[in-house]
Amino acid sequence: MTLVLASRAEGVATLSLNRPDRGNALGPELVEALEEAFDRAVGHGARLVVLRGEGRHFCTGFDLTDLEALSDGDLLLRAVRIEQLLQRIHAAPVTTLAVATGRTFGAGADLFAACDRRVATPGASFAFPGPAFGLVFGTARLAAMVGRDRAREILLAGREVTAEAAAMAGLATAVLGEEAIPAEIARAAAAAARLDPETVAALHRRTGPAAGRAEEDADLAALVRSAARPGLRQRILDYRAQVAARRRG
């Protein structure tokens, strides 16, 4: 299976996560494929990179289908690799646009938040469940986007956020039906073509969390410290059991 479907037209590269049977959850192979496809798109001169998901959902977070076979160290490495990918996308010398459909959860919500333009379709929902099992993930990016107090509210409560609420908070830049998305991509492409890649990269550096690399390094360090706490795998198992119990009840 091709894990990332890629197409390009007139300076716009569209990359679609292609594991709909797993909700496009981010397993190691998909992370590597997305990183390679993204770098290829940038290297071939794309000025706008659009991220989408095949099937119902944009991305439902970590792929934990093999959780029982993983060690805490395996999980830590997976988290670090995803954060490195998100930082790469966030600081890239191109404009990025993500389209969220269905569930956009966990690392998927962080992938959405790493992009410049963030379109949510009606019925999309967002959640950041990582804190429920002790992961501190992408917090500086989220806080820079929606503000400290709103970021704390979203992360501490752990509730699902609707597309409309995401737009009000600043997590989404627009809520659009599928029929309006091509026009939005065309507008983003026209704006992206105005600036050269060096300028885009410089703007991303200066408008990122705390306008610098130090905050990204601090985010990565916070993630590693949180993931390195003993018992990560068991905390995730406990969290999944709690979610399953709530759904049954």
Protein backbone atom coordinates (compact mmCIF):
# COMPACT_ATOMS: atom_id res chain seq x y z
CA MET A 1 0.00 0.00 0.00
CA THR A 2 1.17 3.52 -0.79
CA LEU A 3 1.03 5.16 2.63
CA VAL A 4 0.98 8.74 1.32
CA LEU A 5 -0.75 9.60 -1.93
CA ALA A 6 0.97 12.53 -3.63
CA SER A 7 -0.11 14.74 -6.50
CA ARG A 8 1.14 18.06 -7.82
CA ALA A 9 -0.30 20.77 -10.03
CA GLU A 10 0.78 24.37 -10.58
CA GLY A 11 2.99 24.65 -7.53
CA VAL A 12 0.55 22.86 -5.20
CA ALA A 13 1.51 19.47 -3.76
CA THR A 14 -1.28 17.47 -2.13
CA LEU A 15 -0.25 14.74 0.29
CA SER A 16 -2.97 12.40 1.55
CA LEU A 17 -2.46 10.03 4.46
CA ASN A 18 -3.57 6.66 3.13
CA ARG A 19 -4.32 4.34 6.03
CA PRO A 20 -8.10 4.81 6.24
CA ASP A 21 -8.49 1.36 7.80
CA ARG A 22 -6.59 2.74 10.82
CA GLY A 23 -8.05 6.23 10.76
CA ASN A 24 -4.79 7.44 9.19
CA ALA A 25 -3.15 7.00 12.61
CA LEU A 26 0.55 7.79 12.67
CA GLY A 27 2.59 4.59 12.85
CA PRO A 28 6.35 4.64 12.19
CA GLU A 29 5.99 3.70 8.51
CA LEU A 30 3.42 6.43 7.84
CA VAL A 31 5.53 9.03 9.64
CA GLU A 32 8.56 8.13 7.53
CA ALA A 33 6.49 8.12 4.33
CA LEU A 34 4.97 11.52 5.13
CA GLU A 35 8.36 13.01 5.92
CA GLU A 36 9.80 11.70 2.65
CA ALA A 37 6.80 12.89 0.62
CA PHE A 38 6.91 16.32 2.26
CA ASP A 39 10.63 16.75 1.62
CA ARG A 40 10.15 15.60 -1.97
CA ALA A 41 7.37 18.13 -2.52
CA VAL A 42 9.49 20.95 -1.13
CA GLY A 43 12.54 19.82 -3.08
CA HIS A 44 10.57 19.76 -6.33
CA GLY A 45 9.51 23.37 -5.94
CA ALA A 46 6.02 23.22 -4.43
CA ARG A 47 4.99 26.54 -2.94
CA LEU A 48 1.93 25.18 -1.14
CA VAL A 49 1.67 21.74 0.47
CA VAL A 50 -1.83 20.51 1.28
CA LEU A 51 -2.27 17.74 3.85
CA ARG A 52 -5.40 15.58 3.77
CA GLY A 53 -6.58 12.18 4.94
CA GLU A 54 -8.15 9.41 2.90
CA GLY A 55 -11.45 8.03 4.17
CA ARG A 56 -13.52 9.51 7.00
CA HIS A 57 -10.80 10.92 9.23
CA PHE A 58 -7.85 13.24 8.77
CA CYS A 59 -5.68 11.56 11.43
CA THR A 60 -6.69 9.87 14.68
CA GLY A 61 -3.34 10.20 16.44
CA PHE A 62 -0.76 7.56 17.32
CA ASP A 63 -1.18 4.17 15.68
CA LEU A 64 -1.31 1.91 18.71
CA THR A 65 -2.64 -1.25 17.09
CA ASP A 66 0.50 -3.08 18.27
CA LEU A 67 0.62 -1.43 21.70
CA GLU A 68 0.83 -4.71 23.62
CA ALA A 69 4.09 -5.56 21.83
CA LEU A 70 5.75 -2.19 22.43
CA SER A 71 8.06 -1.10 25.23
CA ASP A 72 8.09 2.32 26.87
CA GLY A 73 11.24 3.03 24.85
CA ASP A 74 9.50 2.16 21.59
CA LEU A 75 6.69 4.58 22.43
CA LEU A 76 9.11 7.34 23.39
CA LEU A 77 10.94 7.00 20.06
CA ARG A 78 7.65 7.11 18.15
CA ALA A 79 6.63 10.30 19.96
CA VAL A 80 9.99 11.95 19.30
CA ARG A 81 9.90 11.09 15.59
CA ILE A 82 6.42 12.58 15.25
CA GLU A 83 7.45 15.77 17.05
CA GLN A 84 10.48 16.09 14.76
CA LEU A 85 8.21 15.75 11.74
CA LEU A 86 5.81 18.39 13.10
CA GLN A 87 8.66 20.82 13.72
CA ARG A 88 9.92 20.21 10.18
CA ILE A 89 6.50 21.01 8.71
CA HIS A 90 5.97 24.01 10.98
CA ALA A 91 9.28 25.61 9.96
CA ALA A 92 9.26 24.61 6.28
CA PRO A 93 10.08 27.08 3.48
CA VAL A 94 6.61 26.56 1.99
CA THR A 95 3.07 27.45 2.95
CA THR A 96 1.11 24.54 4.38
CA LEU A 97 -2.63 23.90 4.50
CA ALA A 98 -4.37 21.04 6.33
CA VAL A 99 -7.93 19.87 5.77
CA ALA A 100 -9.50 18.17 8.80
CA THR A 101 -12.35 15.74 8.32
CA GLY A 102 -13.92 13.44 10.88
CA ARG A 103 -11.74 12.83 13.92
CA THR A 104 -8.52 14.81 14.19
CA PHE A 105 -7.11 13.59 17.47
CA GLY A 106 -3.86 13.54 19.40
CA ALA A 107 -0.82 13.65 17.13
CA GLY A 108 -3.25 14.19 14.25
CA ALA A 109 -4.50 17.39 15.88
CA ASP A 110 -0.88 18.42 16.40
CA LEU A 111 -0.20 17.76 12.70
CA PHE A 112 -3.17 19.96 11.83
CA ALA A 113 -1.94 22.67 14.21
CA ALA A 114 1.54 22.65 12.65
CA CYS A 115 0.17 24.03 9.37
CA ASP A 116 -0.27 27.66 8.32
CA ARG A 117 -3.86 27.36 7.14
CA ARG A 118 -6.17 24.94 8.86
CA VAL A 119 -9.53 24.14 7.31
CA ALA A 120 -12.06 22.12 9.27
CA THR A 121 -15.04 20.58 7.51
CA PRO A 122 -18.47 20.59 9.20
CA GLY A 123 -18.67 17.65 11.58
CA ALA A 124 -14.92 17.48 12.16
CA SER A 125 -13.81 17.20 15.77
CA PHE A 126 -10.53 17.72 17.58
CA ALA A 127 -9.03 16.38 20.80
CA PHE A 128 -5.64 16.32 22.50
CA PRO A 129 -5.76 13.23 24.74
CA GLY A 130 -2.01 12.96 25.32
CA PRO A 131 -2.05 14.57 28.78
CA ALA A 132 -4.48 11.85 29.92
CA PHE A 133 -1.61 9.35 29.71
CA GLY A 134 1.14 11.75 30.69
CA LEU A 135 2.44 13.05 27.33
CA VAL A 136 3.28 16.74 26.97
CA PHE A 137 3.15 17.20 23.22
CA GLY A 138 3.31 20.32 21.00
CA THR A 139 2.17 22.64 23.75
CA ALA A 140 4.12 25.73 22.69
CA ARG A 141 2.68 25.61 19.17
CA LEU A 142 -0.85 25.28 20.49
CA ALA A 143 -0.41 28.05 23.06
CA ALA A 144 1.05 30.39 20.42
CA MET A 145 -1.96 29.69 18.23
CA VAL A 146 -4.90 29.91 20.62
CA GLY A 147 -3.40 31.68 23.64
CA ARG A 148 -2.14 30.29 26.94
CA ASP A 149 -5.44 30.14 28.77
CA ARG A 150 -7.37 28.51 25.92
CA ALA A 151 -4.55 26.01 25.34
CA ARG A 152 -4.62 25.05 29.02
CA GLU A 153 -8.38 24.68 28.90
CA ILE A 154 -8.22 22.40 25.85
CA LEU A 155 -5.35 20.29 27.18
CA LEU A 156 -6.50 19.97 30.78
CA ALA A 157 -10.14 19.21 29.99
CA GLY A 158 -9.38 16.74 27.18
CA ARG A 159 -12.84 17.17 25.67
CA GLU A 160 -13.60 16.97 21.97
CA VAL A 161 -13.75 20.34 20.23
CA THR A 162 -16.16 20.85 17.35
CA ALA A 163 -15.10 22.44 14.06
CA GLU A 164 -16.95 25.64 14.96
CA ALA A 165 -15.37 25.82 18.42
CA ALA A 166 -11.95 25.16 16.87
CA ALA A 167 -12.45 28.12 14.55
CA MET A 168 -13.54 30.37 17.41
CA ALA A 169 -10.45 29.37 19.39
CA GLY A 170 -8.08 29.91 16.45
CA LEU A 171 -7.17 26.25 16.08
CA ALA A 172 -8.94 26.20 12.69
CA THR A 173 -8.66 29.17 10.33
CA ALA A 174 -11.91 28.32 8.52
CA VAL A 175 -14.84 25.90 8.53
CA LEU A 176 -15.73 25.00 4.95
CA GLY A 177 -17.74 22.37 3.15
CA GLU A 178 -15.94 20.13 0.68
CA GLU A 179 -17.32 22.12 -2.24
CA ALA A 180 -15.55 25.28 -1.01
CA ILE A 181 -12.16 23.71 -0.37
CA PRO A 182 -10.78 23.91 -3.96
CA ALA A 183 -11.34 27.68 -3.98
CA GLU A 184 -9.64 27.98 -0.58
CA ILE A 185 -6.65 26.01 -1.87
CA ALA A 186 -6.50 28.26 -4.94
CA ARG A 187 -6.47 31.37 -2.72
CA ALA A 188 -3.73 29.87 -0.55
CA ALA A 189 -1.71 28.94 -3.64
CA ALA A 190 -1.94 32.47 -5.03
CA ALA A 191 -0.78 33.92 -1.72
CA ALA A 192 2.04 31.35 -1.41
CA ALA A 193 3.38 32.20 -4.86
CA ARG A 194 4.08 35.78 -3.78
CA LEU A 195 7.05 34.92 -1.58
CA ASP A 196 10.28 33.05 -2.20
CA PRO A 197 11.12 30.01 -0.03
CA GLU A 198 13.84 31.79 1.96
CA THR A 199 11.40 34.49 2.99
CA VAL A 200 8.74 31.97 3.95
CA ALA A 201 11.25 30.05 6.08
CA ALA A 202 12.38 33.26 7.77
CA LEU A 203 8.78 34.27 8.52
CA HIS A 204 8.08 30.84 9.97
CA ARG A 205 11.14 31.13 12.22
CA ARG A 206 10.20 34.58 13.48
CA THR A 207 6.51 33.84 14.02
CA GLY A 208 6.93 30.41 15.61
CA PRO A 209 6.63 29.67 19.33
CA ALA A 210 8.57 32.39 21.14
CA ALA A 211 9.84 33.31 17.65
CA GLY A 212 12.79 30.95 17.88
CA ARG A 213 14.29 27.47 17.85
CA ALA A 214 14.81 27.47 21.62
CA GLU A 215 11.09 27.00 22.27
CA GLU A 216 10.94 24.08 19.83
CA ASP A 217 13.86 22.48 21.65
CA ALA A 218 12.04 23.07 24.95
CA ASP A 219 8.91 21.41 23.54
CA LEU A 220 10.95 18.39 22.47
CA ALA A 221 12.64 18.22 25.87
CA ALA A 222 9.27 18.41 27.65
CA LEU A 223 7.97 15.61 25.46
CA VAL A 224 10.98 13.41 26.16
CA ARG A 225 10.75 14.02 29.91
CA SER A 226 7.04 13.18 29.94
CA ALA A 227 7.44 10.07 27.75
CA ALA A 228 10.46 8.87 29.74
CA ARG A 229 8.45 8.55 32.94
CA PRO A 230 8.21 4.83 33.73
CA GLY A 231 4.94 3.16 32.81
CA LEU A 232 3.99 5.00 29.60
CA ARG A 233 2.68 1.86 27.92
CA GLN A 234 0.55 0.97 30.94
CA ARG A 235 -0.84 4.52 31.15
CA ILE A 236 -1.94 4.30 27.52
CA LEU A 237 -3.51 0.90 28.13
CA ASP A 238 -5.37 2.30 31.14
CA TYR A 239 -6.54 5.29 29.12
CA ARG A 240 -7.85 3.07 26.32
CA ALA A 241 -9.72 0.95 28.86
CA GLN A 242 -11.31 4.08 30.37
CA VAL A 243 -12.40 5.32 26.94
CA ALA A 244 -13.87 1.92 26.07
CA ALA A 245 -15.75 1.83 29.39
CA ARG A 246 -17.24 5.29 28.80
CA ARG A 247 -18.41 4.25 25.35
CA ARG A 248 -20.07 1.13 26.73
CA GLY A 249 -21.68 3.06 29.56
